[in-house]
Amino acid sequence: MTVIGLTGPTGSGKGVLAEAFRKQGIPVLDTDAVYHEWIAHPSPCVDELVDAFGESVRGADGGIDRPALAAVVFCGTAAGEERLALLNSITHRYVIKSIWVWLKEQEKDKKRCAVIDAPLLFEAGVDRICDKVIAVIAPAELRLARIMMRDGISEPRARARIQAQKSDDFYTTRAQFVFVNDGAPTAANAFALDVINRLPLV
């Protein structure tokens, strides 16, 4: 089974390409959804996060209070960067565990190809289990508009998120395929089909 990693900066439109692969019958794992599932309910991941950041980040339902965690981690200081690194070191382990389980399920179902949609693909080391990687990038102003619409935030906050991201080169120089998502409605479908046709699917 060929494993494809799908990554790129926020607002690039990775979901559009992920859906294009689904239309071709290729299963896609959304690692953001996996992460949210791990922290939405009581779990070993939640327990580790509470141990690391304090009881204040645990919600009334036993999962993680995401705004409370964000307030602790994303504080714009050197200490915040250390906390973010700690957060990622904890959560990445659980997400990767779920990825392996999912891949085994796809192999059991005799899938020829599977796509892992992971914004932090390289940072988490998930690229090491991928046969090929696709980087999705987009013009900055288009990313800005997408982030503002998606998250309902102001332009300054959206620009701050973009500025906090790694450059396009970080993704494109590490990927075998690059998709420039400029909003053309049929481009994603054509790109996904082209990638599938060029891969030695087994």
N, C-alpha and C. Protein backbone atom coordinates (compact mmCIF):
# COMPACT_ATOMS: atom_id res chain seq x y z
N MET A 1 0.84 -1.20 0.00
CA MET A 1 0.00 0.00 0.00
C MET A 1 0.87 1.24 0.00
N THR A 2 0.58 2.15 -0.89
CA THR A 2 1.30 3.42 -0.97
C THR A 2 0.70 4.42 0.02
N VAL A 3 1.55 5.01 0.84
CA VAL A 3 1.10 5.99 1.83
C VAL A 3 1.55 7.38 1.40
N ILE A 4 0.59 8.28 1.26
CA ILE A 4 0.87 9.66 0.84
C ILE A 4 0.65 10.60 2.02
N GLY A 5 1.62 11.45 2.28
CA GLY A 5 1.46 12.49 3.28
C GLY A 5 0.99 13.77 2.62
N LEU A 6 0.04 14.44 3.25
CA LEU A 6 -0.52 15.69 2.72
C LEU A 6 -0.33 16.77 3.78
N THR A 7 0.38 17.83 3.43
CA THR A 7 0.68 18.86 4.42
C THR A 7 0.77 20.23 3.76
N GLY A 8 0.92 21.25 4.60
CA GLY A 8 1.03 22.61 4.11
C GLY A 8 0.61 23.58 5.20
N PRO A 9 0.85 24.87 5.00
CA PRO A 9 0.53 25.87 6.02
C PRO A 9 -0.97 26.10 6.15
N THR A 10 -1.37 26.70 7.25
CA THR A 10 -2.79 26.97 7.49
C THR A 10 -3.35 27.87 6.41
N GLY A 11 -4.58 27.56 5.98
CA GLY A 11 -5.23 28.35 4.96
C GLY A 11 -4.86 27.98 3.54
N SER A 12 -4.00 26.98 3.37
CA SER A 12 -3.59 26.60 2.02
C SER A 12 -4.68 25.80 1.30
N GLY A 13 -5.61 25.24 2.05
CA GLY A 13 -6.70 24.49 1.43
C GLY A 13 -6.41 23.02 1.27
N LYS A 14 -5.74 22.44 2.27
CA LYS A 14 -5.43 21.00 2.22
C LYS A 14 -6.70 20.16 2.14
N GLY A 15 -7.77 20.63 2.79
CA GLY A 15 -9.01 19.87 2.81
C GLY A 15 -9.61 19.68 1.42
N VAL A 16 -9.40 20.66 0.54
CA VAL A 16 -9.91 20.56 -0.83
C VAL A 16 -9.24 19.41 -1.56
N LEU A 17 -7.92 19.30 -1.39
CA LEU A 17 -7.20 18.21 -2.05
C LEU A 17 -7.51 16.87 -1.39
N ALA A 18 -7.67 16.87 -0.08
CA ALA A 18 -8.05 15.64 0.62
C ALA A 18 -9.37 15.11 0.09
N GLU A 19 -10.32 16.01 -0.12
CA GLU A 19 -11.62 15.60 -0.65
C GLU A 19 -11.50 15.09 -2.08
N ALA A 20 -10.58 15.64 -2.84
CA ALA A 20 -10.36 15.18 -4.21
C ALA A 20 -9.86 13.74 -4.22
N PHE A 21 -9.01 13.39 -3.26
CA PHE A 21 -8.55 12.00 -3.15
C PHE A 21 -9.70 11.09 -2.73
N ARG A 22 -10.53 11.56 -1.82
CA ARG A 22 -11.68 10.74 -1.41
C ARG A 22 -12.60 10.45 -2.60
N LYS A 23 -12.77 11.42 -3.47
CA LYS A 23 -13.61 11.23 -4.65
C LYS A 23 -13.05 10.14 -5.56
N GLN A 24 -11.75 9.91 -5.49
CA GLN A 24 -11.11 8.87 -6.28
C GLN A 24 -11.08 7.53 -5.53
N GLY A 25 -11.77 7.47 -4.39
CA GLY A 25 -11.84 6.23 -3.63
C GLY A 25 -10.65 5.98 -2.73
N ILE A 26 -9.83 7.00 -2.51
CA ILE A 26 -8.65 6.87 -1.65
C ILE A 26 -9.01 7.30 -0.23
N PRO A 27 -8.80 6.45 0.77
CA PRO A 27 -9.12 6.85 2.15
C PRO A 27 -8.15 7.92 2.65
N VAL A 28 -8.68 8.86 3.42
CA VAL A 28 -7.88 9.97 3.95
C VAL A 28 -8.08 10.05 5.46
N LEU A 29 -6.99 10.15 6.19
CA LEU A 29 -7.06 10.34 7.65
C LEU A 29 -6.76 11.79 7.98
N ASP A 30 -7.70 12.46 8.63
CA ASP A 30 -7.54 13.85 9.07
C ASP A 30 -6.94 13.83 10.46
N THR A 31 -5.65 14.14 10.59
CA THR A 31 -5.00 14.05 11.89
C THR A 31 -5.45 15.14 12.85
N ASP A 32 -5.95 16.26 12.33
CA ASP A 32 -6.54 17.27 13.22
C ASP A 32 -7.74 16.68 13.95
N ALA A 33 -8.56 15.94 13.21
CA ALA A 33 -9.73 15.30 13.83
C ALA A 33 -9.30 14.24 14.84
N VAL A 34 -8.23 13.53 14.53
CA VAL A 34 -7.70 12.52 15.47
C VAL A 34 -7.26 13.19 16.76
N TYR A 35 -6.52 14.29 16.63
CA TYR A 35 -6.06 15.04 17.81
C TYR A 35 -7.24 15.51 18.65
N HIS A 36 -8.24 16.07 18.00
CA HIS A 36 -9.40 16.58 18.74
C HIS A 36 -10.15 15.45 19.43
N GLU A 37 -10.17 14.29 18.82
CA GLU A 37 -10.84 13.14 19.45
C GLU A 37 -10.08 12.70 20.70
N TRP A 38 -8.76 12.72 20.65
CA TRP A 38 -7.96 12.34 21.82
C TRP A 38 -8.18 13.27 23.00
N ILE A 39 -8.42 14.56 22.73
CA ILE A 39 -8.52 15.52 23.84
C ILE A 39 -9.96 15.88 24.19
N ALA A 40 -10.93 15.37 23.42
CA ALA A 40 -12.33 15.74 23.66
C ALA A 40 -12.93 15.00 24.85
N HIS A 41 -12.37 13.87 25.20
CA HIS A 41 -12.91 13.02 26.26
C HIS A 41 -11.78 12.56 27.17
N PRO A 42 -12.10 12.05 28.35
CA PRO A 42 -11.05 11.51 29.22
C PRO A 42 -10.22 10.47 28.48
N SER A 43 -8.91 10.60 28.56
CA SER A 43 -8.01 9.69 27.86
C SER A 43 -6.62 9.80 28.49
N PRO A 44 -5.74 8.84 28.20
CA PRO A 44 -4.36 8.96 28.69
C PRO A 44 -3.69 10.24 28.18
N CYS A 45 -4.04 10.68 26.96
CA CYS A 45 -3.47 11.92 26.43
C CYS A 45 -3.89 13.11 27.28
N VAL A 46 -5.17 13.16 27.64
CA VAL A 46 -5.67 14.24 28.50
C VAL A 46 -4.94 14.23 29.84
N ASP A 47 -4.77 13.05 30.40
CA ASP A 47 -4.09 12.95 31.70
C ASP A 47 -2.66 13.50 31.62
N GLU A 48 -1.96 13.19 30.53
CA GLU A 48 -0.59 13.70 30.38
C GLU A 48 -0.57 15.22 30.23
N LEU A 49 -1.53 15.74 29.49
CA LEU A 49 -1.60 17.19 29.30
C LEU A 49 -1.91 17.90 30.62
N VAL A 50 -2.79 17.32 31.41
CA VAL A 50 -3.11 17.91 32.71
C VAL A 50 -1.90 17.85 33.62
N ASP A 51 -1.17 16.75 33.59
CA ASP A 51 0.06 16.64 34.39
C ASP A 51 1.07 17.71 33.98
N ALA A 52 1.11 18.01 32.67
CA ALA A 52 2.10 18.96 32.15
C ALA A 52 1.70 20.41 32.38
N PHE A 53 0.39 20.71 32.24
CA PHE A 53 -0.04 22.11 32.23
C PHE A 53 -0.97 22.49 33.37
N GLY A 54 -1.34 21.54 34.20
CA GLY A 54 -2.16 21.88 35.35
C GLY A 54 -3.61 21.50 35.19
N GLU A 55 -4.28 21.35 36.31
CA GLU A 55 -5.67 20.93 36.33
C GLU A 55 -6.59 21.93 35.66
N SER A 56 -6.15 23.17 35.51
CA SER A 56 -7.01 24.20 34.91
C SER A 56 -7.32 23.93 33.45
N VAL A 57 -6.54 23.07 32.78
CA VAL A 57 -6.80 22.80 31.37
C VAL A 57 -7.78 21.65 31.17
N ARG A 58 -8.21 21.02 32.28
CA ARG A 58 -9.20 19.95 32.16
C ARG A 58 -10.59 20.56 32.20
N GLY A 59 -11.43 20.18 31.25
CA GLY A 59 -12.79 20.70 31.19
C GLY A 59 -13.73 19.96 32.11
N ALA A 60 -14.93 20.47 32.22
CA ALA A 60 -15.92 19.86 33.11
C ALA A 60 -16.32 18.47 32.65
N ASP A 61 -16.19 18.20 31.34
CA ASP A 61 -16.56 16.90 30.80
C ASP A 61 -15.42 15.89 30.86
N GLY A 62 -14.29 16.29 31.42
CA GLY A 62 -13.15 15.38 31.56
C GLY A 62 -12.17 15.45 30.42
N GLY A 63 -12.54 16.15 29.34
CA GLY A 63 -11.61 16.36 28.24
C GLY A 63 -10.81 17.63 28.49
N ILE A 64 -10.11 18.07 27.45
CA ILE A 64 -9.31 19.29 27.57
C ILE A 64 -10.17 20.51 27.26
N ASP A 65 -10.07 21.53 28.11
CA ASP A 65 -10.68 22.82 27.84
C ASP A 65 -9.74 23.54 26.87
N ARG A 66 -10.08 23.53 25.59
CA ARG A 66 -9.17 24.02 24.57
C ARG A 66 -8.82 25.51 24.74
N PRO A 67 -9.77 26.39 25.04
CA PRO A 67 -9.39 27.79 25.27
C PRO A 67 -8.42 27.93 26.46
N ALA A 68 -8.64 27.14 27.50
CA ALA A 68 -7.75 27.22 28.66
C ALA A 68 -6.34 26.74 28.31
N LEU A 69 -6.27 25.67 27.53
CA LEU A 69 -4.96 25.18 27.09
C LEU A 69 -4.27 26.19 26.20
N ALA A 70 -5.04 26.80 25.29
CA ALA A 70 -4.47 27.80 24.38
C ALA A 70 -3.92 28.99 25.16
N ALA A 71 -4.63 29.38 26.22
CA ALA A 71 -4.18 30.52 27.02
C ALA A 71 -2.86 30.23 27.70
N VAL A 72 -2.64 28.97 28.07
CA VAL A 72 -1.40 28.58 28.73
C VAL A 72 -0.25 28.46 27.73
N VAL A 73 -0.55 27.92 26.57
CA VAL A 73 0.50 27.59 25.61
C VAL A 73 0.83 28.75 24.67
N PHE A 74 -0.21 29.37 24.09
CA PHE A 74 0.02 30.39 23.07
C PHE A 74 0.04 31.79 23.71
N CYS A 75 1.10 32.04 24.45
CA CYS A 75 1.18 33.31 25.19
C CYS A 75 2.19 34.27 24.59
N GLY A 76 2.82 33.88 23.47
CA GLY A 76 3.71 34.78 22.77
C GLY A 76 5.02 35.06 23.47
N THR A 77 5.47 34.16 24.32
CA THR A 77 6.74 34.34 25.03
C THR A 77 7.63 33.12 24.79
N ALA A 78 8.88 33.22 25.25
CA ALA A 78 9.79 32.08 25.13
C ALA A 78 9.25 30.89 25.91
N ALA A 79 8.65 31.17 27.05
CA ALA A 79 8.04 30.09 27.84
C ALA A 79 6.91 29.44 27.06
N GLY A 80 6.18 30.24 26.30
CA GLY A 80 5.10 29.71 25.48
C GLY A 80 5.63 28.78 24.41
N GLU A 81 6.77 29.11 23.81
CA GLU A 81 7.37 28.24 22.80
C GLU A 81 7.77 26.90 23.41
N GLU A 82 8.28 26.93 24.62
CA GLU A 82 8.64 25.69 25.30
C GLU A 82 7.39 24.86 25.60
N ARG A 83 6.32 25.54 26.00
CA ARG A 83 5.08 24.83 26.30
C ARG A 83 4.48 24.22 25.04
N LEU A 84 4.58 24.95 23.92
CA LEU A 84 4.07 24.41 22.66
C LEU A 84 4.86 23.16 22.26
N ALA A 85 6.17 23.21 22.44
CA ALA A 85 7.00 22.05 22.13
C ALA A 85 6.60 20.86 23.00
N LEU A 86 6.31 21.13 24.27
CA LEU A 86 5.88 20.06 25.18
C LEU A 86 4.51 19.52 24.77
N LEU A 87 3.60 20.43 24.43
CA LEU A 87 2.28 20.02 23.97
C LEU A 87 2.39 19.09 22.77
N ASN A 88 3.21 19.49 21.79
CA ASN A 88 3.36 18.68 20.59
C ASN A 88 4.01 17.33 20.90
N SER A 89 4.99 17.33 21.79
CA SER A 89 5.68 16.08 22.11
C SER A 89 4.72 15.07 22.73
N ILE A 90 3.73 15.56 23.46
CA ILE A 90 2.75 14.67 24.07
C ILE A 90 1.72 14.22 23.05
N THR A 91 1.11 15.18 22.38
CA THR A 91 -0.01 14.84 21.50
C THR A 91 0.43 14.09 20.25
N HIS A 92 1.61 14.37 19.74
CA HIS A 92 2.07 13.68 18.53
C HIS A 92 2.16 12.18 18.76
N ARG A 93 2.57 11.76 19.95
CA ARG A 93 2.69 10.33 20.23
C ARG A 93 1.35 9.63 20.09
N TYR A 94 0.30 10.27 20.59
CA TYR A 94 -1.02 9.65 20.53
C TYR A 94 -1.59 9.68 19.11
N VAL A 95 -1.36 10.76 18.41
CA VAL A 95 -1.84 10.85 17.03
C VAL A 95 -1.14 9.80 16.17
N ILE A 96 0.17 9.64 16.35
CA ILE A 96 0.91 8.64 15.58
C ILE A 96 0.43 7.23 15.89
N LYS A 97 0.10 6.99 17.14
CA LYS A 97 -0.46 5.68 17.52
C LYS A 97 -1.74 5.42 16.73
N SER A 98 -2.61 6.44 16.62
CA SER A 98 -3.85 6.29 15.87
C SER A 98 -3.58 6.12 14.37
N ILE A 99 -2.56 6.78 13.87
CA ILE A 99 -2.20 6.64 12.45
C ILE A 99 -1.84 5.20 12.13
N TRP A 100 -1.02 4.58 12.98
CA TRP A 100 -0.61 3.20 12.73
C TRP A 100 -1.80 2.26 12.74
N VAL A 101 -2.71 2.47 13.68
CA VAL A 101 -3.92 1.64 13.75
C VAL A 101 -4.73 1.79 12.47
N TRP A 102 -4.89 3.04 12.03
CA TRP A 102 -5.66 3.32 10.81
C TRP A 102 -5.01 2.71 9.59
N LEU A 103 -3.68 2.81 9.47
CA LEU A 103 -2.99 2.24 8.32
C LEU A 103 -3.15 0.72 8.27
N LYS A 104 -3.09 0.08 9.42
CA LYS A 104 -3.30 -1.37 9.46
C LYS A 104 -4.71 -1.73 8.99
N GLU A 105 -5.68 -0.90 9.34
CA GLU A 105 -7.05 -1.13 8.89
C GLU A 105 -7.16 -1.01 7.38
N GLN A 106 -6.46 -0.03 6.80
CA GLN A 106 -6.50 0.15 5.35
C GLN A 106 -5.83 -1.02 4.64
N GLU A 107 -4.73 -1.51 5.21
CA GLU A 107 -4.06 -2.67 4.62
C GLU A 107 -4.95 -3.90 4.71
N LYS A 108 -5.63 -4.05 5.83
CA LYS A 108 -6.55 -5.18 6.01
C LYS A 108 -7.67 -5.13 4.98
N ASP A 109 -8.10 -3.91 4.65
CA ASP A 109 -9.16 -3.74 3.65
C ASP A 109 -8.61 -3.76 2.22
N LYS A 110 -7.28 -4.03 2.12
CA LYS A 110 -6.62 -4.17 0.81
C LYS A 110 -6.68 -2.88 -0.02
N LYS A 111 -6.55 -1.76 0.65
CA LYS A 111 -6.49 -0.49 -0.07
C LYS A 111 -5.15 -0.37 -0.78
N ARG A 112 -5.17 0.18 -1.98
CA ARG A 112 -3.92 0.35 -2.73
C ARG A 112 -3.16 1.59 -2.29
N CYS A 113 -3.88 2.54 -1.71
CA CYS A 113 -3.28 3.82 -1.35
C CYS A 113 -4.04 4.42 -0.18
N ALA A 114 -3.35 5.18 0.64
CA ALA A 114 -3.98 5.88 1.76
C ALA A 114 -3.28 7.22 1.93
N VAL A 115 -4.05 8.24 2.31
CA VAL A 115 -3.52 9.60 2.48
C VAL A 115 -3.62 10.02 3.93
N ILE A 116 -2.52 10.56 4.47
CA ILE A 116 -2.50 11.10 5.82
C ILE A 116 -2.43 12.62 5.72
N ASP A 117 -3.51 13.28 6.10
CA ASP A 117 -3.60 14.75 6.08
C ASP A 117 -3.09 15.26 7.42
N ALA A 118 -1.88 15.83 7.42
CA ALA A 118 -1.24 16.23 8.68
C ALA A 118 -0.55 17.58 8.53
N PRO A 119 -1.11 18.64 9.11
CA PRO A 119 -0.46 19.96 9.04
C PRO A 119 0.98 19.95 9.58
N LEU A 120 1.23 19.13 10.61
CA LEU A 120 2.56 19.05 11.21
C LEU A 120 3.25 17.75 10.81
N LEU A 121 3.09 17.37 9.56
CA LEU A 121 3.63 16.10 9.07
C LEU A 121 5.13 15.98 9.33
N PHE A 122 5.89 17.01 8.97
CA PHE A 122 7.34 16.95 9.14
C PHE A 122 7.74 17.12 10.60
N GLU A 123 7.08 18.05 11.28
CA GLU A 123 7.43 18.31 12.68
C GLU A 123 7.19 17.08 13.56
N ALA A 124 6.16 16.30 13.23
CA ALA A 124 5.84 15.11 14.02
C ALA A 124 6.60 13.87 13.56
N GLY A 125 7.33 14.00 12.46
CA GLY A 125 8.08 12.86 11.94
C GLY A 125 7.21 11.87 11.17
N VAL A 126 5.97 12.25 10.87
CA VAL A 126 5.06 11.34 10.16
C VAL A 126 5.51 11.14 8.71
N ASP A 127 6.27 12.09 8.18
CA ASP A 127 6.76 11.93 6.80
C ASP A 127 7.61 10.68 6.64
N ARG A 128 8.19 10.18 7.74
CA ARG A 128 9.05 9.00 7.67
C ARG A 128 8.27 7.73 7.37
N ILE A 129 6.96 7.75 7.57
CA ILE A 129 6.16 6.57 7.25
C ILE A 129 5.39 6.75 5.95
N CYS A 130 5.70 7.83 5.23
CA CYS A 130 5.04 8.09 3.95
C CYS A 130 5.97 7.74 2.79
N ASP A 131 5.39 7.20 1.73
CA ASP A 131 6.16 6.91 0.52
C ASP A 131 6.36 8.18 -0.30
N LYS A 132 5.36 9.05 -0.31
CA LYS A 132 5.44 10.31 -1.02
C LYS A 132 4.75 11.38 -0.17
N VAL A 133 5.15 12.63 -0.39
CA VAL A 133 4.55 13.76 0.33
C VAL A 133 4.09 14.81 -0.67
N ILE A 134 2.89 15.31 -0.43
CA ILE A 134 2.35 16.42 -1.22
C ILE A 134 2.32 17.66 -0.35
N ALA A 135 2.90 18.75 -0.83
CA ALA A 135 2.80 20.04 -0.15
C ALA A 135 1.73 20.87 -0.84
N VAL A 136 0.82 21.42 -0.05
CA VAL A 136 -0.22 22.30 -0.57
C VAL A 136 0.11 23.72 -0.14
N ILE A 137 0.25 24.61 -1.10
CA ILE A 137 0.52 26.01 -0.79
C ILE A 137 -0.50 26.87 -1.53
N ALA A 138 -0.56 28.14 -1.15
CA ALA A 138 -1.51 29.07 -1.77
C ALA A 138 -1.00 30.49 -1.59
N PRO A 139 -1.43 31.41 -2.45
CA PRO A 139 -1.04 32.82 -2.29
C PRO A 139 -1.45 33.34 -0.92
N ALA A 140 -0.62 34.20 -0.34
CA ALA A 140 -0.82 34.68 1.03
C ALA A 140 -2.17 35.35 1.23
N GLU A 141 -2.59 36.19 0.27
CA GLU A 141 -3.86 36.90 0.45
C GLU A 141 -5.06 35.96 0.39
N LEU A 142 -4.94 34.91 -0.41
CA LEU A 142 -6.00 33.91 -0.47
C LEU A 142 -6.05 33.11 0.83
N ARG A 143 -4.88 32.77 1.36
CA ARG A 143 -4.83 32.10 2.66
C ARG A 143 -5.46 32.97 3.74
N LEU A 144 -5.16 34.27 3.69
CA LEU A 144 -5.70 35.20 4.67
C LEU A 144 -7.22 35.18 4.65
N ALA A 145 -7.80 35.25 3.48
CA ALA A 145 -9.26 35.26 3.35
C ALA A 145 -9.86 33.95 3.85
N ARG A 146 -9.20 32.84 3.53
CA ARG A 146 -9.71 31.54 3.97
C ARG A 146 -9.70 31.41 5.49
N ILE A 147 -8.61 31.85 6.11
CA ILE A 147 -8.50 31.75 7.56
C ILE A 147 -9.55 32.61 8.25
N MET A 148 -9.73 33.83 7.76
CA MET A 148 -10.72 34.73 8.35
C MET A 148 -12.12 34.14 8.25
N MET A 149 -12.45 33.56 7.09
CA MET A 149 -13.78 32.97 6.90
C MET A 149 -13.94 31.70 7.73
N ARG A 150 -12.92 30.85 7.70
CA ARG A 150 -12.99 29.56 8.40
C ARG A 150 -13.10 29.70 9.90
N ASP A 151 -12.27 30.59 10.46
CA ASP A 151 -12.18 30.69 11.91
C ASP A 151 -12.93 31.88 12.50
N GLY A 152 -13.48 32.74 11.62
CA GLY A 152 -14.22 33.89 12.11
C GLY A 152 -13.39 34.86 12.91
N ILE A 153 -12.16 35.12 12.45
CA ILE A 153 -11.27 36.01 13.19
C ILE A 153 -10.95 37.25 12.35
N SER A 154 -10.38 38.25 13.00
CA SER A 154 -10.06 39.50 12.34
C SER A 154 -8.85 39.35 11.42
N GLU A 155 -8.68 40.32 10.54
CA GLU A 155 -7.53 40.27 9.63
C GLU A 155 -6.20 40.30 10.37
N PRO A 156 -6.02 41.17 11.40
CA PRO A 156 -4.73 41.16 12.11
C PRO A 156 -4.42 39.81 12.74
N ARG A 157 -5.42 39.15 13.32
CA ARG A 157 -5.19 37.84 13.93
C ARG A 157 -4.86 36.79 12.87
N ALA A 158 -5.52 36.89 11.74
CA ALA A 158 -5.25 35.94 10.65
C ALA A 158 -3.84 36.14 10.11
N ARG A 159 -3.43 37.40 9.97
CA ARG A 159 -2.08 37.68 9.48
C ARG A 159 -1.03 37.19 10.49
N ALA A 160 -1.33 37.31 11.77
CA ALA A 160 -0.40 36.84 12.79
C ALA A 160 -0.22 35.33 12.69
N ARG A 161 -1.30 34.62 12.40
CA ARG A 161 -1.20 33.16 12.25
C ARG A 161 -0.32 32.80 11.07
N ILE A 162 -0.49 33.52 9.96
CA ILE A 162 0.31 33.24 8.78
C ILE A 162 1.78 33.53 9.06
N GLN A 163 2.05 34.64 9.74
CA GLN A 163 3.43 35.01 10.03
C GLN A 163 4.10 34.01 10.98
N ALA A 164 3.30 33.35 11.80
CA ALA A 164 3.85 32.36 12.73
C ALA A 164 4.14 31.03 12.06
N GLN A 165 3.66 30.87 10.82
CA GLN A 165 3.85 29.60 10.10
C GLN A 165 5.22 29.57 9.42
N LYS A 166 5.64 28.37 9.09
CA LYS A 166 6.87 28.22 8.32
C LYS A 166 6.63 28.67 6.89
N SER A 167 7.71 28.97 6.19
CA SER A 167 7.61 29.46 4.81
C SER A 167 7.17 28.34 3.88
N ASP A 168 6.71 28.72 2.69
CA ASP A 168 6.34 27.73 1.69
C ASP A 168 7.51 26.80 1.37
N ASP A 169 8.72 27.35 1.35
CA ASP A 169 9.90 26.53 1.03
C ASP A 169 10.08 25.38 2.00
N PHE A 170 9.70 25.57 3.25
CA PHE A 170 9.83 24.50 4.24
C PHE A 170 9.07 23.26 3.77
N TYR A 171 7.93 23.48 3.15
CA TYR A 171 7.10 22.37 2.69
C TYR A 171 7.53 21.88 1.30
N THR A 172 7.71 22.82 0.38
CA THR A 172 7.95 22.41 -1.01
C THR A 172 9.29 21.71 -1.21
N THR A 173 10.31 22.08 -0.44
CA THR A 173 11.62 21.45 -0.61
C THR A 173 11.67 20.05 0.00
N ARG A 174 10.67 19.71 0.80
CA ARG A 174 10.63 18.38 1.43
C ARG A 174 9.61 17.45 0.77
N ALA A 175 8.89 17.95 -0.21
CA ALA A 175 7.81 17.18 -0.82
C ALA A 175 8.18 16.72 -2.22
N GLN A 176 7.54 15.64 -2.64
CA GLN A 176 7.74 15.14 -4.01
C GLN A 176 6.74 15.75 -4.99
N PHE A 177 5.61 16.22 -4.46
CA PHE A 177 4.59 16.86 -5.28
C PHE A 177 4.19 18.17 -4.60
N VAL A 178 3.88 19.18 -5.41
CA VAL A 178 3.44 20.47 -4.88
C VAL A 178 2.16 20.87 -5.60
N PHE A 179 1.13 21.19 -4.81
CA PHE A 179 -0.14 21.66 -5.37
C PHE A 179 -0.34 23.11 -4.96
N VAL A 180 -0.42 23.99 -5.94
CA VAL A 180 -0.68 25.40 -5.67
C VAL A 180 -2.19 25.61 -5.74
N ASN A 181 -2.80 25.78 -4.59
CA ASN A 181 -4.26 25.86 -4.51
C ASN A 181 -4.70 27.31 -4.63
N ASP A 182 -4.89 27.73 -5.87
CA ASP A 182 -5.27 29.13 -6.12
C ASP A 182 -6.77 29.30 -6.26
N GLY A 183 -7.53 28.25 -5.92
CA GLY A 183 -8.98 28.36 -5.92
C GLY A 183 -9.68 27.86 -7.16
N ALA A 184 -8.93 27.40 -8.17
CA ALA A 184 -9.56 26.85 -9.37
C ALA A 184 -10.37 25.61 -8.99
N PRO A 185 -11.66 25.58 -9.27
CA PRO A 185 -12.55 24.54 -8.75
C PRO A 185 -12.22 23.12 -9.17
N THR A 186 -11.69 22.92 -10.37
CA THR A 186 -11.42 21.55 -10.83
C THR A 186 -9.96 21.14 -10.70
N ALA A 187 -9.11 22.07 -10.29
CA ALA A 187 -7.67 21.79 -10.25
C ALA A 187 -7.32 20.68 -9.27
N ALA A 188 -7.96 20.67 -8.11
CA ALA A 188 -7.65 19.66 -7.09
C ALA A 188 -7.98 18.26 -7.59
N ASN A 189 -9.12 18.11 -8.24
CA ASN A 189 -9.51 16.80 -8.76
C ASN A 189 -8.51 16.30 -9.80
N ALA A 190 -8.11 17.19 -10.70
CA ALA A 190 -7.15 16.82 -11.74
C ALA A 190 -5.79 16.47 -11.13
N PHE A 191 -5.39 17.24 -10.13
CA PHE A 191 -4.10 17.00 -9.50
C PHE A 191 -4.09 15.65 -8.79
N ALA A 192 -5.14 15.36 -8.03
CA ALA A 192 -5.22 14.09 -7.30
C ALA A 192 -5.17 12.92 -8.27
N LEU A 193 -5.91 13.01 -9.35
CA LEU A 193 -5.94 11.93 -10.34
C LEU A 193 -4.57 11.75 -10.98
N ASP A 194 -3.88 12.85 -11.25
CA ASP A 194 -2.54 12.78 -11.84
C ASP A 194 -1.57 12.10 -10.90
N VAL A 195 -1.62 12.45 -9.61
CA VAL A 195 -0.74 11.82 -8.62
C VAL A 195 -1.01 10.33 -8.56
N ILE A 196 -2.27 9.95 -8.47
CA ILE A 196 -2.64 8.54 -8.39
C ILE A 196 -2.11 7.77 -9.60
N ASN A 197 -2.25 8.35 -10.77
CA ASN A 197 -1.81 7.69 -12.00
C ASN A 197 -0.29 7.55 -12.08
N ARG A 198 0.42 8.43 -11.38
CA ARG A 198 1.89 8.40 -11.45
C ARG A 198 2.52 7.54 -10.36
N LEU A 199 1.74 7.11 -9.39
CA LEU A 199 2.29 6.33 -8.29
C LEU A 199 2.24 4.83 -8.60
N PRO A 200 3.25 4.11 -8.12
CA PRO A 200 3.24 2.63 -8.27
C PRO A 200 2.37 2.02 -7.19
N LEU A 201 1.07 2.12 -7.35
CA LEU A 201 0.15 1.61 -6.31
C LEU A 201 0.20 0.09 -6.29
N VAL A 202 0.38 -0.45 -5.10
CA VAL A 202 0.49 -1.91 -4.94
C VAL A 202 -0.50 -2.40 -3.90
